[in-house]
Amino acid sequence: MNKQLKSHTPLVDQAQFITALMSAETPVPEGLVDQDCLAAGRRFSVYRNNVAVSLTEAMHSAFPVVAKLLGNKNMDGLSGLFLRAHPPSSPLMMFYGAEFPAFLEGMPQLDHLGYLGDIARLELALRHAYHAADASAIDPLKLAELSEEALLQTGLTLSPALHLLRSPWPIQSIWRFNTVEGADKPQAGAEAVLITRPEFDPIPQVVSSAEATWIEALMQGASIGEALDQARSTDTKFDLSSPLTLLLQGGAITGLVNKG
């Protein structure tokens, strides 16, 4: 809370303060005074406006592609509605906006932009991958040294930066078209997106449905062989060499687990 604002009585609880802070239509809480023990009406209004502006800017920074697709004015308005419904629960702005994808999908006026929620999920995943803890990748030779039988009985410990999203929309293509100059125009269709962080910045890459199934199984604790069986139930010709190479190149494999 602003150091120039303080409660004159113990009647201003946190919930009441936050409700008033998030909505310009809500009266200033009774008992809230400034440093001179005067009613904090005007000071509180200035403080409330500063908070709203800061959170709106945070939403633009967190969801730049959503903002570009909507336009700045519309993003400002949606951010105002969102912050009233979902005030920050952490002082770390890197975590703000987790509820935004579902919020977008709950707005009837945005039904014609059905992909927005998944674009927001992709931007969230990229942000979380960026801020994920560092983890050392294994030497690929450790896998190469395993026999085929041992390899199939091996599970993988995966990097905290690894994320996988499935969408009925071409979300990576939409994201790329709006962030990379000269990128191809998105074509209709579902996309599964693998996010790895080989160095400092996360990289989103489209993978096939079977590759996504294989990676999801590994993320849930399956061995390479068990995940292979699941992937081949989707595509009988599935070859694990391509997604395994993506994981190795992305620094996403941090350990091996014998599940034999």
C-alpha atoms as a PDB file:
ATOM      1  CA  MET A   1       0.000   0.000   0.000  1.00  0.00           C
ATOM      2  CA  ASN A   2       1.151   3.557  -0.675  1.00  0.00           C
ATOM      3  CA  LYS A   3       3.053   4.800   2.404  1.00  0.00           C
ATOM      4  CA  GLN A   4       1.049   8.038   2.286  1.00  0.00           C
ATOM      5  CA  LEU A   5      -2.210   6.168   2.833  1.00  0.00           C
ATOM      6  CA  LYS A   6      -3.040   4.452   6.085  1.00  0.00           C
ATOM      7  CA  SER A   7      -6.035   3.109   7.909  1.00  0.00           C
ATOM      8  CA  HIS A   8      -7.305   5.349  10.737  1.00  0.00           C
ATOM      9  CA  THR A   9      -9.288   2.439  12.176  1.00  0.00           C
ATOM     10  CA  PRO A  10      -8.895  -1.354  11.982  1.00  0.00           C
ATOM     11  CA  LEU A  11     -12.141  -1.529   9.930  1.00  0.00           C
ATOM     12  CA  VAL A  12     -10.456  -1.341   6.510  1.00  0.00           C
ATOM     13  CA  ASP A  13      -9.675  -4.976   5.812  1.00  0.00           C
ATOM     14  CA  GLN A  14      -7.576  -6.181   2.922  1.00  0.00           C
ATOM     15  CA  ALA A  15     -10.483  -7.482   0.842  1.00  0.00           C
ATOM     16  CA  GLN A  16     -12.331  -4.170   1.173  1.00  0.00           C
ATOM     17  CA  PHE A  17      -9.195  -2.224   0.235  1.00  0.00           C
ATOM     18  CA  ILE A  18      -8.460  -4.391  -2.822  1.00  0.00           C
ATOM     19  CA  THR A  19     -12.076  -4.191  -4.027  1.00  0.00           C
ATOM     20  CA  ALA A  20     -11.956  -0.409  -3.877  1.00  0.00           C
ATOM     21  CA  LEU A  21      -8.503  -0.321  -5.447  1.00  0.00           C
ATOM     22  CA  MET A  22      -9.597  -2.377  -8.473  1.00  0.00           C
ATOM     23  CA  SER A  23     -12.808  -0.483  -9.243  1.00  0.00           C
ATOM     24  CA  ALA A  24     -13.143   3.258  -9.806  1.00  0.00           C
ATOM     25  CA  GLU A  25     -16.883   2.939  -9.099  1.00  0.00           C
ATOM     26  CA  THR A  26     -16.280   1.640  -5.564  1.00  0.00           C
ATOM     27  CA  PRO A  27     -16.162   4.314  -2.818  1.00  0.00           C
ATOM     28  CA  VAL A  28     -12.952   4.933  -0.906  1.00  0.00           C
ATOM     29  CA  PRO A  29     -13.003   2.669   2.184  1.00  0.00           C
ATOM     30  CA  GLU A  30     -14.136   4.484   5.318  1.00  0.00           C
ATOM     31  CA  GLY A  31     -11.323   5.060   7.773  1.00  0.00           C
ATOM     32  CA  LEU A  32      -8.619   5.376   5.130  1.00  0.00           C
ATOM     33  CA  VAL A  33      -6.612   8.558   5.698  1.00  0.00           C
ATOM     34  CA  ASP A  34      -3.488  10.199   4.322  1.00  0.00           C
ATOM     35  CA  GLN A  35      -0.307  11.119   6.199  1.00  0.00           C
ATOM     36  CA  ASP A  36      -2.037  14.179   7.658  1.00  0.00           C
ATOM     37  CA  CYS A  37      -4.922  12.045   8.976  1.00  0.00           C
ATOM     38  CA  LEU A  38      -7.272  13.587   6.411  1.00  0.00           C
ATOM     39  CA  ALA A  39      -9.713  11.525   4.360  1.00  0.00           C
ATOM     40  CA  ALA A  40      -7.683   9.913   1.584  1.00  0.00           C
ATOM     41  CA  GLY A  41     -10.226  10.406  -1.192  1.00  0.00           C
ATOM     42  CA  ARG A  42      -8.164  12.234  -3.803  1.00  0.00           C
ATOM     43  CA  ARG A  43      -4.871  10.550  -2.923  1.00  0.00           C
ATOM     44  CA  PHE A  44      -6.552   7.156  -3.064  1.00  0.00           C
ATOM     45  CA  SER A  45      -8.023   7.949  -6.487  1.00  0.00           C
ATOM     46  CA  VAL A  46      -4.563   8.870  -7.807  1.00  0.00           C
ATOM     47  CA  TYR A  47      -3.098   5.711  -6.293  1.00  0.00           C
ATOM     48  CA  ARG A  48      -5.914   3.602  -7.746  1.00  0.00           C
ATOM     49  CA  ASN A  49      -5.332   5.080 -11.210  1.00  0.00           C
ATOM     50  CA  ASN A  50      -1.584   4.411 -11.005  1.00  0.00           C
ATOM     51  CA  VAL A  51      -2.215   0.778 -10.072  1.00  0.00           C
ATOM     52  CA  ALA A  52      -4.662   0.336 -12.964  1.00  0.00           C
ATOM     53  CA  VAL A  53      -2.209   1.875 -15.440  1.00  0.00           C
ATOM     54  CA  SER A  54       0.648  -0.323 -14.184  1.00  0.00           C
ATOM     55  CA  LEU A  55      -1.412  -3.512 -14.406  1.00  0.00           C
ATOM     56  CA  THR A  56      -2.684  -2.598 -17.868  1.00  0.00           C
ATOM     57  CA  GLU A  57       0.901  -2.075 -19.032  1.00  0.00           C
ATOM     58  CA  ALA A  58       1.816  -5.426 -17.467  1.00  0.00           C
ATOM     59  CA  MET A  59      -0.938  -7.125 -19.473  1.00  0.00           C
ATOM     60  CA  HIS A  60       0.304  -5.556 -22.719  1.00  0.00           C
ATOM     61  CA  SER A  61       3.828  -6.791 -21.930  1.00  0.00           C
ATOM     62  CA  ALA A  62       2.628 -10.268 -20.956  1.00  0.00           C
ATOM     63  CA  PHE A  63       0.325 -10.776 -23.947  1.00  0.00           C
ATOM     64  CA  PRO A  64       1.747  -8.726 -26.833  1.00  0.00           C
ATOM     65  CA  VAL A  65       0.250 -10.883 -29.596  1.00  0.00           C
ATOM     66  CA  VAL A  66      -3.206 -10.847 -28.001  1.00  0.00           C
ATOM     67  CA  ALA A  67      -2.869  -7.058 -27.704  1.00  0.00           C
ATOM     68  CA  LYS A  68      -1.846  -6.786 -31.355  1.00  0.00           C
ATOM     69  CA  LEU A  69      -4.770  -8.945 -32.493  1.00  0.00           C
ATOM     70  CA  LEU A  70      -7.280  -6.950 -30.432  1.00  0.00           C
ATOM     71  CA  GLY A  71      -5.799  -3.470 -30.841  1.00  0.00           C
ATOM     72  CA  ASN A  72      -4.448  -1.359 -27.990  1.00  0.00           C
ATOM     73  CA  LYS A  73      -7.748   0.299 -27.101  1.00  0.00           C
ATOM     74  CA  ASN A  74      -9.610  -3.002 -26.840  1.00  0.00           C
ATOM     75  CA  MET A  75      -6.735  -4.533 -24.858  1.00  0.00           C
ATOM     76  CA  ASP A  76      -6.862  -1.607 -22.435  1.00  0.00           C
ATOM     77  CA  GLY A  77     -10.576  -2.157 -21.884  1.00  0.00           C
ATOM     78  CA  LEU A  78     -10.247  -5.907 -21.415  1.00  0.00           C
ATOM     79  CA  SER A  79      -7.321  -5.430 -19.044  1.00  0.00           C
ATOM     80  CA  GLY A  80      -9.476  -3.128 -16.912  1.00  0.00           C
ATOM     81  CA  LEU A  81     -12.236  -5.726 -16.733  1.00  0.00           C
ATOM     82  CA  PHE A  82      -9.718  -8.488 -16.033  1.00  0.00           C
ATOM     83  CA  LEU A  83      -7.925  -6.740 -13.191  1.00  0.00           C
ATOM     84  CA  ARG A  84     -11.252  -6.108 -11.437  1.00  0.00           C
ATOM     85  CA  ALA A  85     -12.162  -9.788 -11.700  1.00  0.00           C
ATOM     86  CA  HIS A  86      -8.646 -11.096 -11.015  1.00  0.00           C
ATOM     87  CA  PRO A  87      -6.523  -8.749  -8.897  1.00  0.00           C
ATOM     88  CA  PRO A  88      -2.874  -9.834  -8.488  1.00  0.00           C
ATOM     89  CA  SER A  89      -2.274 -12.517  -5.869  1.00  0.00           C
ATOM     90  CA  SER A  90       1.513 -12.191  -6.042  1.00  0.00           C
ATOM     91  CA  PRO A  91       3.861  -9.184  -6.092  1.00  0.00           C
ATOM     92  CA  LEU A  92       5.726 -10.911  -8.952  1.00  0.00           C
ATOM     93  CA  MET A  93       4.209  -9.651 -12.179  1.00  0.00           C
ATOM     94  CA  MET A  94       5.712 -12.594 -14.095  1.00  0.00           C
ATOM     95  CA  PHE A  95       2.845 -14.668 -12.675  1.00  0.00           C
ATOM     96  CA  TYR A  96       0.049 -12.193 -13.375  1.00  0.00           C
ATOM     97  CA  GLY A  97      -2.524 -13.147 -15.973  1.00  0.00           C
ATOM     98  CA  ALA A  98      -2.814 -16.908 -15.435  1.00  0.00           C
ATOM     99  CA  GLU A  99      -6.616 -16.654 -15.650  1.00  0.00           C
ATOM    100  CA  PHE A 100      -6.552 -14.489 -18.795  1.00  0.00           C
ATOM    101  CA  PRO A 101      -7.033 -17.299 -21.382  1.00  0.00           C
ATOM    102  CA  ALA A 102     -10.231 -18.532 -19.697  1.00  0.00           C
ATOM    103  CA  PHE A 103     -11.322 -14.915 -19.193  1.00  0.00           C
ATOM    104  CA  LEU A 104     -11.033 -14.259 -22.935  1.00  0.00           C
ATOM    105  CA  GLU A 105     -12.988 -17.415 -23.719  1.00  0.00           C
ATOM    106  CA  GLY A 106     -15.724 -16.280 -21.366  1.00  0.00           C
ATOM    107  CA  MET A 107     -16.319 -13.022 -23.265  1.00  0.00           C
ATOM    108  CA  PRO A 108     -19.265 -13.528 -25.677  1.00  0.00           C
ATOM    109  CA  GLN A 109     -18.197 -10.546 -27.803  1.00  0.00           C
ATOM    110  CA  LEU A 110     -14.966 -12.397 -28.616  1.00  0.00           C
ATOM    111  CA  ASP A 111     -16.602 -15.630 -29.789  1.00  0.00           C
ATOM    112  CA  HIS A 112     -15.621 -14.834 -33.373  1.00  0.00           C
ATOM    113  CA  LEU A 113     -11.953 -14.917 -32.286  1.00  0.00           C
ATOM    114  CA  GLY A 114     -12.017 -18.416 -30.850  1.00  0.00           C
ATOM    115  CA  TYR A 115      -8.232 -18.783 -31.017  1.00  0.00           C
ATOM    116  CA  LEU A 116      -7.514 -15.890 -28.605  1.00  0.00           C
ATOM    117  CA  GLY A 117      -7.608 -18.043 -25.472  1.00  0.00           C
ATOM    118  CA  ASP A 118      -5.035 -20.479 -26.840  1.00  0.00           C
ATOM    119  CA  ILE A 119      -2.832 -17.641 -28.113  1.00  0.00           C
ATOM    120  CA  ALA A 120      -2.864 -16.301 -24.546  1.00  0.00           C
ATOM    121  CA  ARG A 121      -1.984 -19.790 -23.247  1.00  0.00           C
ATOM    122  CA  LEU A 122       0.954 -19.916 -25.646  1.00  0.00           C
ATOM    123  CA  GLU A 123       2.179 -16.512 -24.478  1.00  0.00           C
ATOM    124  CA  LEU A 124       1.812 -17.614 -20.841  1.00  0.00           C
ATOM    125  CA  ALA A 125       3.766 -20.795 -21.526  1.00  0.00           C
ATOM    126  CA  LEU A 126       6.535 -18.846 -23.240  1.00  0.00           C
ATOM    127  CA  ARG A 127       6.734 -16.494 -20.254  1.00  0.00           C
ATOM    128  CA  HIS A 128       6.805 -19.371 -17.760  1.00  0.00           C
ATOM    129  CA  ALA A 129       9.463 -21.139 -19.822  1.00  0.00           C
ATOM    130  CA  TYR A 130      11.575 -17.969 -19.819  1.00  0.00           C
ATOM    131  CA  HIS A 131      11.390 -17.678 -16.034  1.00  0.00           C
ATOM    132  CA  ALA A 132      11.721 -21.414 -15.307  1.00  0.00           C
ATOM    133  CA  ALA A 133      14.600 -22.660 -13.175  1.00  0.00           C
ATOM    134  CA  ASP A 134      17.825 -23.527 -14.951  1.00  0.00           C
ATOM    135  CA  ALA A 135      18.565 -27.217 -15.452  1.00  0.00           C
ATOM    136  CA  SER A 136      21.598 -28.855 -17.063  1.00  0.00           C
ATOM    137  CA  ALA A 137      20.898 -30.976 -20.103  1.00  0.00           C
ATOM    138  CA  ILE A 138      22.359 -34.477 -20.361  1.00  0.00           C
ATOM    139  CA  ASP A 139      25.098 -35.406 -22.774  1.00  0.00           C
ATOM    140  CA  PRO A 140      23.307 -37.023 -25.781  1.00  0.00           C
ATOM    141  CA  LEU A 141      25.959 -39.769 -25.707  1.00  0.00           C
ATOM    142  CA  LYS A 142      24.313 -41.184 -22.580  1.00  0.00           C
ATOM    143  CA  LEU A 143      21.323 -42.151 -24.694  1.00  0.00           C
ATOM    144  CA  ALA A 144      23.443 -43.347 -27.602  1.00  0.00           C
ATOM    145  CA  GLU A 145      25.289 -45.752 -25.282  1.00  0.00           C
ATOM    146  CA  LEU A 146      22.077 -47.569 -24.310  1.00  0.00           C
ATOM    147  CA  SER A 147      20.983 -50.759 -26.000  1.00  0.00           C
ATOM    148  CA  GLU A 148      17.595 -50.661 -27.742  1.00  0.00           C
ATOM    149  CA  GLU A 149      16.017 -52.662 -24.899  1.00  0.00           C
ATOM    150  CA  ALA A 150      17.514 -50.403 -22.232  1.00  0.00           C
ATOM    151  CA  LEU A 151      16.469 -47.291 -24.144  1.00  0.00           C
ATOM    152  CA  LEU A 152      12.841 -48.420 -24.294  1.00  0.00           C
ATOM    153  CA  GLN A 153      12.871 -49.055 -20.533  1.00  0.00           C
ATOM    154  CA  THR A 154      14.276 -45.604 -19.787  1.00  0.00           C
ATOM    155  CA  GLY A 155      12.245 -42.653 -18.529  1.00  0.00           C
ATOM    156  CA  LEU A 156      13.327 -39.056 -18.925  1.00  0.00           C
ATOM    157  CA  THR A 157      13.638 -36.231 -16.428  1.00  0.00           C
ATOM    158  CA  LEU A 158      12.596 -33.115 -18.318  1.00  0.00           C
ATOM    159  CA  SER A 159      13.523 -29.456 -17.972  1.00  0.00           C
ATOM    160  CA  PRO A 160      11.189 -27.137 -16.007  1.00  0.00           C
ATOM    161  CA  ALA A 161      11.202 -24.900 -19.096  1.00  0.00           C
ATOM    162  CA  LEU A 162       9.537 -27.565 -21.248  1.00  0.00           C
ATOM    163  CA  HIS A 163       5.896 -26.944 -22.193  1.00  0.00           C
ATOM    164  CA  LEU A 164       3.510 -28.588 -24.619  1.00  0.00           C
ATOM    165  CA  LEU A 165       0.222 -27.148 -25.856  1.00  0.00           C
ATOM    166  CA  ARG A 166      -2.434 -28.622 -28.136  1.00  0.00           C
ATOM    167  CA  SER A 167      -4.952 -26.415 -29.908  1.00  0.00           C
ATOM    168  CA  PRO A 168      -7.595 -26.807 -32.596  1.00  0.00           C
ATOM    169  CA  TRP A 169      -6.185 -23.547 -33.977  1.00  0.00           C
ATOM    170  CA  PRO A 170      -2.847 -22.819 -35.725  1.00  0.00           C
ATOM    171  CA  ILE A 171      -1.571 -20.980 -32.654  1.00  0.00           C
ATOM    172  CA  GLN A 172       2.148 -21.141 -33.352  1.00  0.00           C
ATOM    173  CA  SER A 173       1.572 -19.942 -36.912  1.00  0.00           C
ATOM    174  CA  ILE A 174      -0.618 -17.062 -35.677  1.00  0.00           C
ATOM    175  CA  TRP A 175       1.960 -16.167 -33.018  1.00  0.00           C
ATOM    176  CA  ARG A 176       4.806 -16.299 -35.553  1.00  0.00           C
ATOM    177  CA  PHE A 177       2.892 -14.276 -38.160  1.00  0.00           C
ATOM    178  CA  ASN A 178       2.482 -11.506 -35.571  1.00  0.00           C
ATOM    179  CA  THR A 179       6.043 -11.581 -34.217  1.00  0.00           C
ATOM    180  CA  VAL A 180       8.335 -12.483 -37.120  1.00  0.00           C
ATOM    181  CA  GLU A 181       8.609 -10.217 -40.139  1.00  0.00           C
ATOM    182  CA  GLY A 182       7.903 -12.051 -43.371  1.00  0.00           C
ATOM    183  CA  ALA A 183       6.412 -15.108 -41.666  1.00  0.00           C
ATOM    184  CA  ASP A 184       3.926 -17.141 -43.670  1.00  0.00           C
ATOM    185  CA  LYS A 185       0.239 -16.420 -43.261  1.00  0.00           C
ATOM    186  CA  PRO A 186      -1.409 -18.968 -40.921  1.00  0.00           C
ATOM    187  CA  GLN A 187      -3.364 -21.786 -42.507  1.00  0.00           C
ATOM    188  CA  ALA A 188      -6.441 -23.247 -40.832  1.00  0.00           C
ATOM    189  CA  GLY A 189      -5.825 -26.371 -38.791  1.00  0.00           C
ATOM    190  CA  ALA A 190      -4.899 -27.721 -35.389  1.00  0.00           C
ATOM    191  CA  GLU A 191      -1.368 -27.357 -34.034  1.00  0.00           C
ATOM    192  CA  ALA A 192       0.544 -28.906 -31.169  1.00  0.00           C
ATOM    193  CA  VAL A 193       3.377 -26.686 -29.937  1.00  0.00           C
ATOM    194  CA  LEU A 194       6.502 -27.789 -28.096  1.00  0.00           C
ATOM    195  CA  ILE A 195       8.364 -25.106 -26.139  1.00  0.00           C
ATOM    196  CA  THR A 196      11.992 -25.632 -25.180  1.00  0.00           C
ATOM    197  CA  ARG A 197      14.655 -23.254 -23.880  1.00  0.00           C
ATOM    198  CA  PRO A 198      18.051 -24.362 -25.168  1.00  0.00           C
ATOM    199  CA  GLU A 199      19.707 -21.094 -24.142  1.00  0.00           C
ATOM    200  CA  PHE A 200      18.100 -17.883 -22.874  1.00  0.00           C
ATOM    201  CA  ASP A 201      14.931 -17.528 -24.930  1.00  0.00           C
ATOM    202  CA  PRO A 202      12.141 -20.113 -25.281  1.00  0.00           C
ATOM    203  CA  ILE A 203      11.518 -21.560 -28.744  1.00  0.00           C
ATOM    204  CA  PRO A 204       8.038 -22.715 -29.834  1.00  0.00           C
ATOM    205  CA  GLN A 205       7.971 -25.427 -32.503  1.00  0.00           C
ATOM    206  CA  VAL A 206       5.081 -27.265 -34.119  1.00  0.00           C
ATOM    207  CA  VAL A 207       5.092 -31.040 -33.605  1.00  0.00           C
ATOM    208  CA  SER A 208       2.778 -33.686 -35.005  1.00  0.00           C
ATOM    209  CA  SER A 209      -0.110 -35.116 -33.010  1.00  0.00           C
ATOM    210  CA  ALA A 210       1.771 -38.401 -32.493  1.00  0.00           C
ATOM    211  CA  GLU A 211       4.922 -36.541 -31.393  1.00  0.00           C
ATOM    212  CA  ALA A 212       2.823 -34.565 -28.919  1.00  0.00           C
ATOM    213  CA  THR A 213       1.332 -37.811 -27.585  1.00  0.00           C
ATOM    214  CA  TRP A 214       4.820 -39.271 -27.104  1.00  0.00           C
ATOM    215  CA  ILE A 215       6.099 -36.188 -25.289  1.00  0.00           C
ATOM    216  CA  GLU A 216       2.969 -35.947 -23.108  1.00  0.00           C
ATOM    217  CA  ALA A 217       3.432 -39.562 -22.037  1.00  0.00           C
ATOM    218  CA  LEU A 218       7.048 -38.848 -21.056  1.00  0.00           C
ATOM    219  CA  MET A 219       5.933 -35.796 -19.094  1.00  0.00           C
ATOM    220  CA  GLN A 220       3.503 -38.033 -17.196  1.00  0.00           C
ATOM    221  CA  GLY A 221       6.274 -40.460 -16.225  1.00  0.00           C
ATOM    222  CA  ALA A 222       6.076 -43.117 -18.947  1.00  0.00           C
ATOM    223  CA  SER A 223       9.191 -44.862 -20.232  1.00  0.00           C
ATOM    224  CA  ILE A 224      10.340 -44.198 -23.778  1.00  0.00           C
ATOM    225  CA  GLY A 225       8.873 -47.548 -24.828  1.00  0.00           C
ATOM    226  CA  GLU A 226       5.518 -46.954 -23.118  1.00  0.00           C
ATOM    227  CA  ALA A 227       5.310 -43.509 -24.697  1.00  0.00           C
ATOM    228  CA  LEU A 228       6.191 -45.074 -28.065  1.00  0.00           C
ATOM    229  CA  ASP A 229       3.261 -47.467 -27.762  1.00  0.00           C
ATOM    230  CA  GLN A 230       0.893 -44.568 -27.041  1.00  0.00           C
ATOM    231  CA  ALA A 231       2.211 -42.555 -29.983  1.00  0.00           C
ATOM    232  CA  ARG A 232       1.855 -45.498 -32.366  1.00  0.00           C
ATOM    233  CA  SER A 233      -1.774 -45.866 -31.337  1.00  0.00           C
ATOM    234  CA  THR A 234      -2.162 -42.469 -33.018  1.00  0.00           C
ATOM    235  CA  ASP A 235       0.223 -43.063 -35.919  1.00  0.00           C
ATOM    236  CA  THR A 236       1.429 -46.602 -36.668  1.00  0.00           C
ATOM    237  CA  LYS A 237       4.398 -45.192 -38.598  1.00  0.00           C
ATOM    238  CA  PHE A 238       5.560 -42.961 -35.735  1.00  0.00           C
ATOM    239  CA  ASP A 239       9.351 -42.713 -35.407  1.00  0.00           C
ATOM    240  CA  LEU A 240      10.687 -41.367 -32.114  1.00  0.00           C
ATOM    241  CA  SER A 241      13.970 -40.114 -33.606  1.00  0.00           C
ATOM    242  CA  SER A 242      12.514 -36.721 -34.632  1.00  0.00           C
ATOM    243  CA  PRO A 243      10.902 -35.698 -31.302  1.00  0.00           C
ATOM    244  CA  LEU A 244      13.816 -37.170 -29.341  1.00  0.00           C
ATOM    245  CA  THR A 245      16.183 -34.995 -31.385  1.00  0.00           C
ATOM    246  CA  LEU A 246      13.994 -31.936 -30.689  1.00  0.00           C
ATOM    247  CA  LEU A 247      14.192 -32.603 -26.951  1.00  0.00           C
ATOM    248  CA  LEU A 248      17.968 -33.072 -27.063  1.00  0.00           C
ATOM    249  CA  GLN A 249      18.543 -29.981 -29.205  1.00  0.00           C
ATOM    250  CA  GLY A 250      16.271 -27.983 -26.920  1.00  0.00           C
ATOM    251  CA  GLY A 251      18.216 -28.994 -23.813  1.00  0.00           C
ATOM    252  CA  ALA A 252      14.991 -30.454 -22.451  1.00  0.00           C
ATOM    253  CA  ILE A 253      16.323 -33.805 -21.164  1.00  0.00           C
ATOM    254  CA  THR A 254      18.022 -33.385 -17.807  1.00  0.00           C
ATOM    255  CA  GLY A 255      18.229 -36.978 -16.570  1.00  0.00           C
ATOM    256  CA  LEU A 256      17.583 -40.649 -17.298  1.00  0.00           C
ATOM    257  CA  VAL A 257      15.472 -42.966 -15.133  1.00  0.00           C
ATOM    258  CA  ASN A 258      15.711 -46.760 -15.392  1.00  0.00           C
ATOM    259  CA  LYS A 259      12.142 -48.098 -15.375  1.00  0.00           C
ATOM    260  CA  GLY A 260      13.064 -51.710 -16.171  1.00  0.00           C
END
